[in-house]
């Protein structure tokens, strides 16, 4: 789905009284998720094991 189509589908799902700021926040969220998924596809993601180790380090400090 193109970015344009994604935004059109988003706007259709939102309530009629949604503000422009709320629409912007939704678009920014979707853009961030798409960027993250693209990074994972490129092998730039962080493994679950690495994240668990990071969290463990935060908890024990």
PDB file of N, CA and C in Angstrom:
ATOM      1  N   UNK A   1       0.852  -1.174   0.000  1.00  0.00           N
ATOM      2  CA  UNK A   1       0.000   0.000   0.000  1.00  0.00           C
ATOM      3  C   UNK A   1       0.900   1.240   0.000  1.00  0.00           C
ATOM      4  N   UNK A   2       0.590   2.196  -0.826  1.00  0.00           N
ATOM      5  CA  UNK A   2       1.385   3.423  -0.891  1.00  0.00           C
ATOM      6  C   UNK A   2       1.150   4.270   0.363  1.00  0.00           C
ATOM      7  N   UNK A   3       2.047   5.204   0.609  1.00  0.00           N
ATOM      8  CA  UNK A   3       1.879   6.099   1.754  1.00  0.00           C
ATOM      9  C   UNK A   3       0.577   6.885   1.639  1.00  0.00           C
ATOM     10  N   UNK A   4       0.276   7.315   0.438  1.00  0.00           N
ATOM     11  CA  UNK A   4      -0.961   8.068   0.214  1.00  0.00           C
ATOM     12  C   UNK A   4      -2.176   7.221   0.570  1.00  0.00           C
ATOM     13  N   UNK A   5      -2.188   5.988   0.110  1.00  0.00           N
ATOM     14  CA  UNK A   5      -3.303   5.092   0.413  1.00  0.00           C
ATOM     15  C   UNK A   5      -3.407   4.814   1.910  1.00  0.00           C
ATOM     16  N   UNK A   6      -2.261   4.686   2.561  1.00  0.00           N
ATOM     17  CA  UNK A   6      -2.246   4.466   4.001  1.00  0.00           C
ATOM     18  C   UNK A   6      -2.903   5.627   4.731  1.00  0.00           C
ATOM     19  N   UNK A   7      -2.561   6.855   4.334  1.00  0.00           N
ATOM     20  CA  UNK A   7      -3.142   8.039   4.973  1.00  0.00           C
ATOM     21  C   UNK A   7      -4.642   8.126   4.687  1.00  0.00           C
ATOM     22  N   UNK A   8      -5.032   7.833   3.471  1.00  0.00           N
ATOM     23  CA  UNK A   8      -6.461   7.877   3.137  1.00  0.00           C
ATOM     24  C   UNK A   8      -7.246   6.879   3.975  1.00  0.00           C
ATOM     25  N   UNK A   9      -6.718   5.678   4.142  1.00  0.00           N
ATOM     26  CA  UNK A   9      -7.386   4.669   4.973  1.00  0.00           C
ATOM     27  C   UNK A   9      -7.447   5.120   6.428  1.00  0.00           C
ATOM     28  N   UNK A  10      -6.379   5.725   6.907  1.00  0.00           N
ATOM     29  CA  UNK A  10      -6.352   6.241   8.270  1.00  0.00           C
ATOM     30  C   UNK A  10      -7.455   7.266   8.480  1.00  0.00           C
ATOM     31  N   UNK A  11      -7.551   8.228   7.587  1.00  0.00           N
ATOM     32  CA  UNK A  11      -8.536   9.300   7.715  1.00  0.00           C
ATOM     33  C   UNK A  11      -9.952   8.736   7.678  1.00  0.00           C
ATOM     34  N   UNK A  12     -10.181   7.741   6.869  1.00  0.00           N
ATOM     35  CA  UNK A  12     -11.510   7.114   6.808  1.00  0.00           C
ATOM     36  C   UNK A  12     -11.894   6.470   8.130  1.00  0.00           C
ATOM     37  N   UNK A  13     -10.904   5.928   8.866  1.00  0.00           N
ATOM     38  CA  UNK A  13     -11.167   5.228  10.131  1.00  0.00           C
ATOM     39  C   UNK A  13     -11.382   6.178  11.301  1.00  0.00           C
ATOM     40  N   UNK A  14     -10.867   7.393  11.200  1.00  0.00           N
ATOM     41  CA  UNK A  14     -10.929   8.325  12.322  1.00  0.00           C
ATOM     42  C   UNK A  14     -12.328   8.926  12.460  1.00  0.00           C
ATOM     43  N   UNK A  15     -12.684   9.329  13.689  1.00  0.00           N
ATOM     44  CA  UNK A  15     -13.998   9.950  13.887  1.00  0.00           C
ATOM     45  C   UNK A  15     -14.095  11.303  13.183  1.00  0.00           C
ATOM     46  N   UNK A  16     -15.308  11.727  12.929  1.00  0.00           N
ATOM     47  CA  UNK A  16     -15.539  12.976  12.189  1.00  0.00           C
ATOM     48  C   UNK A  16     -15.013  14.204  12.925  1.00  0.00           C
ATOM     49  N   UNK A  17     -14.943  14.146  14.242  1.00  0.00           N
ATOM     50  CA  UNK A  17     -14.532  15.325  15.014  1.00  0.00           C
ATOM     51  C   UNK A  17     -13.042  15.340  15.353  1.00  0.00           C
ATOM     52  N   UNK A  18     -12.245  14.535  14.674  1.00  0.00           N
ATOM     53  CA  UNK A  18     -10.811  14.466  14.941  1.00  0.00           C
ATOM     54  C   UNK A  18     -10.149  15.783  14.545  1.00  0.00           C
ATOM     55  N   UNK A  19      -9.155  16.192  15.342  1.00  0.00           N
ATOM     56  CA  UNK A  19      -8.449  17.437  15.045  1.00  0.00           C
ATOM     57  C   UNK A  19      -7.287  17.168  14.086  1.00  0.00           C
ATOM     58  N   UNK A  20      -6.809  18.240  13.469  1.00  0.00           N
ATOM     59  CA  UNK A  20      -5.648  18.111  12.584  1.00  0.00           C
ATOM     60  C   UNK A  20      -4.420  17.621  13.351  1.00  0.00           C
ATOM     61  N   UNK A  21      -4.249  18.083  14.583  1.00  0.00           N
ATOM     62  CA  UNK A  21      -3.121  17.632  15.406  1.00  0.00           C
ATOM     63  C   UNK A  21      -3.201  16.133  15.669  1.00  0.00           C
ATOM     64  N   UNK A  22      -4.407  15.617  15.934  1.00  0.00           N
ATOM     65  CA  UNK A  22      -4.576  14.179  16.162  1.00  0.00           C
ATOM     66  C   UNK A  22      -4.280  13.391  14.888  1.00  0.00           C
ATOM     67  N   UNK A  23      -4.712  13.918  13.759  1.00  0.00           N
ATOM     68  CA  UNK A  23      -4.412  13.265  12.480  1.00  0.00           C
ATOM     69  C   UNK A  23      -2.900  13.235  12.262  1.00  0.00           C
ATOM     70  N   UNK A  24      -2.246  14.352  12.541  1.00  0.00           N
ATOM     71  CA  UNK A  24      -0.796  14.430  12.388  1.00  0.00           C
ATOM     72  C   UNK A  24      -0.096  13.413  13.273  1.00  0.00           C
ATOM     73  N   UNK A  25      -0.524  13.289  14.530  1.00  0.00           N
ATOM     74  CA  UNK A  25       0.090  12.311  15.439  1.00  0.00           C
ATOM     75  C   UNK A  25      -0.076  10.888  14.913  1.00  0.00           C
ATOM     76  N   UNK A  26      -1.251  10.581  14.370  1.00  0.00           N
ATOM     77  CA  UNK A  26      -1.492   9.245  13.817  1.00  0.00           C
ATOM     78  C   UNK A  26      -0.584   8.982  12.613  1.00  0.00           C
ATOM     79  N   UNK A  27      -0.442   9.988  11.752  1.00  0.00           N
ATOM     80  CA  UNK A  27       0.418   9.837  10.576  1.00  0.00           C
ATOM     81  C   UNK A  27       1.869   9.642  11.005  1.00  0.00           C
ATOM     82  N   UNK A  28       2.316  10.422  11.989  1.00  0.00           N
ATOM     83  CA  UNK A  28       3.685  10.279  12.474  1.00  0.00           C
ATOM     84  C   UNK A  28       3.917   8.895  13.073  1.00  0.00           C
ATOM     85  N   UNK A  29       2.938   8.370  13.792  1.00  0.00           N
ATOM     86  CA  UNK A  29       3.057   7.038  14.377  1.00  0.00           C
ATOM     87  C   UNK A  29       3.196   5.984  13.278  1.00  0.00           C
ATOM     88  N   UNK A  30       2.319   6.059  12.278  1.00  0.00           N
ATOM     89  CA  UNK A  30       2.354   5.094  11.180  1.00  0.00           C
ATOM     90  C   UNK A  30       3.687   5.187  10.436  1.00  0.00           C
ATOM     91  N   UNK A  31       4.176   6.416  10.217  1.00  0.00           N
ATOM     92  CA  UNK A  31       5.458   6.603   9.528  1.00  0.00           C
ATOM     93  C   UNK A  31       6.595   5.971  10.330  1.00  0.00           C
ATOM     94  N   UNK A  32       6.579   6.149  11.644  1.00  0.00           N
ATOM     95  CA  UNK A  32       7.632   5.574  12.485  1.00  0.00           C
ATOM     96  C   UNK A  32       7.591   4.050  12.447  1.00  0.00           C
ATOM     97  N   UNK A  33       6.403   3.489  12.479  1.00  0.00           N
ATOM     98  CA  UNK A  33       6.279   2.025  12.415  1.00  0.00           C
ATOM     99  C   UNK A  33       6.788   1.513  11.073  1.00  0.00           C
ATOM    100  N   UNK A  34       6.401   2.174   9.981  1.00  0.00           N
ATOM    101  CA  UNK A  34       6.864   1.743   8.665  1.00  0.00           C
ATOM    102  C   UNK A  34       8.381   1.843   8.546  1.00  0.00           C
ATOM    103  N   UNK A  35       8.970   2.904   9.097  1.00  0.00           N
ATOM    104  CA  UNK A  35      10.427   3.051   9.069  1.00  0.00           C
ATOM    105  C   UNK A  35      11.090   1.940   9.876  1.00  0.00           C
ATOM    106  N   UNK A  36      10.523   1.633  11.033  1.00  0.00           N
ATOM    107  CA  UNK A  36      11.074   0.569  11.857  1.00  0.00           C
ATOM    108  C   UNK A  36      11.016  -0.779  11.167  1.00  0.00           C
ATOM    109  N   UNK A  37       9.906  -1.067  10.536  1.00  0.00           N
ATOM    110  CA  UNK A  37       9.771  -2.331   9.808  1.00  0.00           C
ATOM    111  C   UNK A  37      10.755  -2.404   8.646  1.00  0.00           C
ATOM    112  N   UNK A  38      10.966  -1.276   7.972  1.00  0.00           N
ATOM    113  CA  UNK A  38      11.935  -1.248   6.870  1.00  0.00           C
ATOM    114  C   UNK A  38      13.347  -1.508   7.395  1.00  0.00           C
ATOM    115  N   UNK A  39      13.675  -0.950   8.559  1.00  0.00           N
ATOM    116  CA  UNK A  39      14.989  -1.189   9.143  1.00  0.00           C
ATOM    117  C   UNK A  39      15.172  -2.662   9.498  1.00  0.00           C
ATOM    118  N   UNK A  40      14.130  -3.267  10.029  1.00  0.00           N
ATOM    119  CA  UNK A  40      14.197  -4.693  10.355  1.00  0.00           C
ATOM    120  C   UNK A  40      14.431  -5.498   9.081  1.00  0.00           C
ATOM    121  N   UNK A  41      13.725  -5.158   8.004  1.00  0.00           N
ATOM    122  CA  UNK A  41      13.907  -5.853   6.733  1.00  0.00           C
ATOM    123  C   UNK A  41      15.336  -5.717   6.209  1.00  0.00           C
ATOM    124  N   UNK A  42      15.996  -4.613   6.553  1.00  0.00           N
ATOM    125  CA  UNK A  42      17.375  -4.366   6.113  1.00  0.00           C
ATOM    126  C   UNK A  42      18.392  -4.963   7.084  1.00  0.00           C
ATOM    127  N   UNK A  43      17.903  -5.664   8.093  1.00  0.00           N
ATOM    128  CA  UNK A  43      18.798  -6.282   9.058  1.00  0.00           C
ATOM    129  C   UNK A  43      19.336  -5.336  10.109  1.00  0.00           C
ATOM    130  N   UNK A  44      18.737  -4.179  10.259  1.00  0.00           N
ATOM    131  CA  UNK A  44      19.215  -3.177  11.211  1.00  0.00           C
ATOM    132  C   UNK A  44      18.519  -3.283  12.569  1.00  0.00           C
ATOM    133  N   UNK A  45      17.640  -4.247  12.729  1.00  0.00           N
ATOM    134  CA  UNK A  45      16.888  -4.379  13.972  1.00  0.00           C
ATOM    135  C   UNK A  45      17.736  -4.912  15.108  1.00  0.00           C
ATOM    136  N   UNK A  46      17.172  -4.839  16.300  1.00  0.00           N
ATOM    137  CA  UNK A  46      17.810  -5.361  17.501  1.00  0.00           C
ATOM    138  C   UNK A  46      17.064  -6.626  17.895  1.00  0.00           C
ATOM    139  N   UNK A  47      17.805  -7.686  18.201  1.00  0.00           N
ATOM    140  CA  UNK A  47      17.168  -8.950  18.544  1.00  0.00           C
ATOM    141  C   UNK A  47      16.456  -8.853  19.885  1.00  0.00           C
ATOM    142  N   UNK A  48      15.484  -9.705  20.073  1.00  0.00           N
ATOM    143  CA  UNK A  48      14.756  -9.762  21.331  1.00  0.00           C
ATOM    144  C   UNK A  48      15.704 -10.050  22.484  1.00  0.00           C
ATOM    145  N   UNK A  49      16.654 -10.938  22.256  1.00  0.00           N
ATOM    146  CA  UNK A  49      17.623 -11.271  23.293  1.00  0.00           C
ATOM    147  C   UNK A  49      18.421 -10.035  23.718  1.00  0.00           C
ATOM    148  N   UNK A  50      18.820  -9.213  22.765  1.00  0.00           N
ATOM    149  CA  UNK A  50      19.565  -7.996  23.078  1.00  0.00           C
ATOM    150  C   UNK A  50      18.721  -7.029  23.894  1.00  0.00           C
ATOM    151  N   UNK A  51      17.468  -6.902  23.527  1.00  0.00           N
ATOM    152  CA  UNK A  51      16.567  -6.014  24.260  1.00  0.00           C
ATOM    153  C   UNK A  51      16.373  -6.527  25.683  1.00  0.00           C
ATOM    154  N   UNK A  52      16.189  -7.829  25.828  1.00  0.00           N
ATOM    155  CA  UNK A  52      16.027  -8.406  27.168  1.00  0.00           C
ATOM    156  C   UNK A  52      17.264  -8.139  28.024  1.00  0.00           C
ATOM    157  N   UNK A  53      18.457  -8.244  27.433  1.00  0.00           N
ATOM    158  CA  UNK A  53      19.689  -7.966  28.171  1.00  0.00           C
ATOM    159  C   UNK A  53      19.773  -6.496  28.576  1.00  0.00           C
ATOM    160  N   UNK A  54      19.351  -5.610  27.679  1.00  0.00           N
ATOM    161  CA  UNK A  54      19.346  -4.182  28.005  1.00  0.00           C
ATOM    162  C   UNK A  54      18.411  -3.903  29.178  1.00  0.00           C
ATOM    163  N   UNK A  55      17.221  -4.472  29.117  1.00  0.00           N
ATOM    164  CA  UNK A  55      16.240  -4.254  30.182  1.00  0.00           C
ATOM    165  C   UNK A  55      16.759  -4.810  31.498  1.00  0.00           C
ATOM    166  N   UNK A  56      17.351  -5.990  31.448  1.00  0.00           N
ATOM    167  CA  UNK A  56      17.922  -6.597  32.648  1.00  0.00           C
ATOM    168  C   UNK A  56      18.972  -5.674  33.266  1.00  0.00           C
ATOM    169  N   UNK A  57      19.784  -5.063  32.412  1.00  0.00           N
ATOM    170  CA  UNK A  57      20.791  -4.127  32.895  1.00  0.00           C
ATOM    171  C   UNK A  57      20.169  -2.899  33.544  1.00  0.00           C
ATOM    172  N   UNK A  58      19.065  -2.426  33.015  1.00  0.00           N
ATOM    173  CA  UNK A  58      18.391  -1.253  33.594  1.00  0.00           C
ATOM    174  C   UNK A  58      17.796  -1.595  34.951  1.00  0.00           C
ATOM    175  N   UNK A  59      17.242  -2.782  35.053  1.00  0.00           N
ATOM    176  CA  UNK A  59      16.547  -3.196  36.272  1.00  0.00           C
ATOM    177  C   UNK A  59      17.522  -3.418  37.421  1.00  0.00           C
ATOM    178  N   UNK A  60      18.693  -3.963  37.113  1.00  0.00           N
ATOM    179  CA  UNK A  60      19.640  -4.323  38.168  1.00  0.00           C
ATOM    180  C   UNK A  60      20.509  -3.144  38.607  1.00  0.00           C
ATOM    181  N   UNK A  61      20.409  -2.027  37.939  1.00  0.00           N
ATOM    182  CA  UNK A  61      21.228  -0.860  38.310  1.00  0.00           C
ATOM    183  C   UNK A  61      20.594  -0.097  39.440  1.00  0.00           C
TER     184      UNK A  61
END
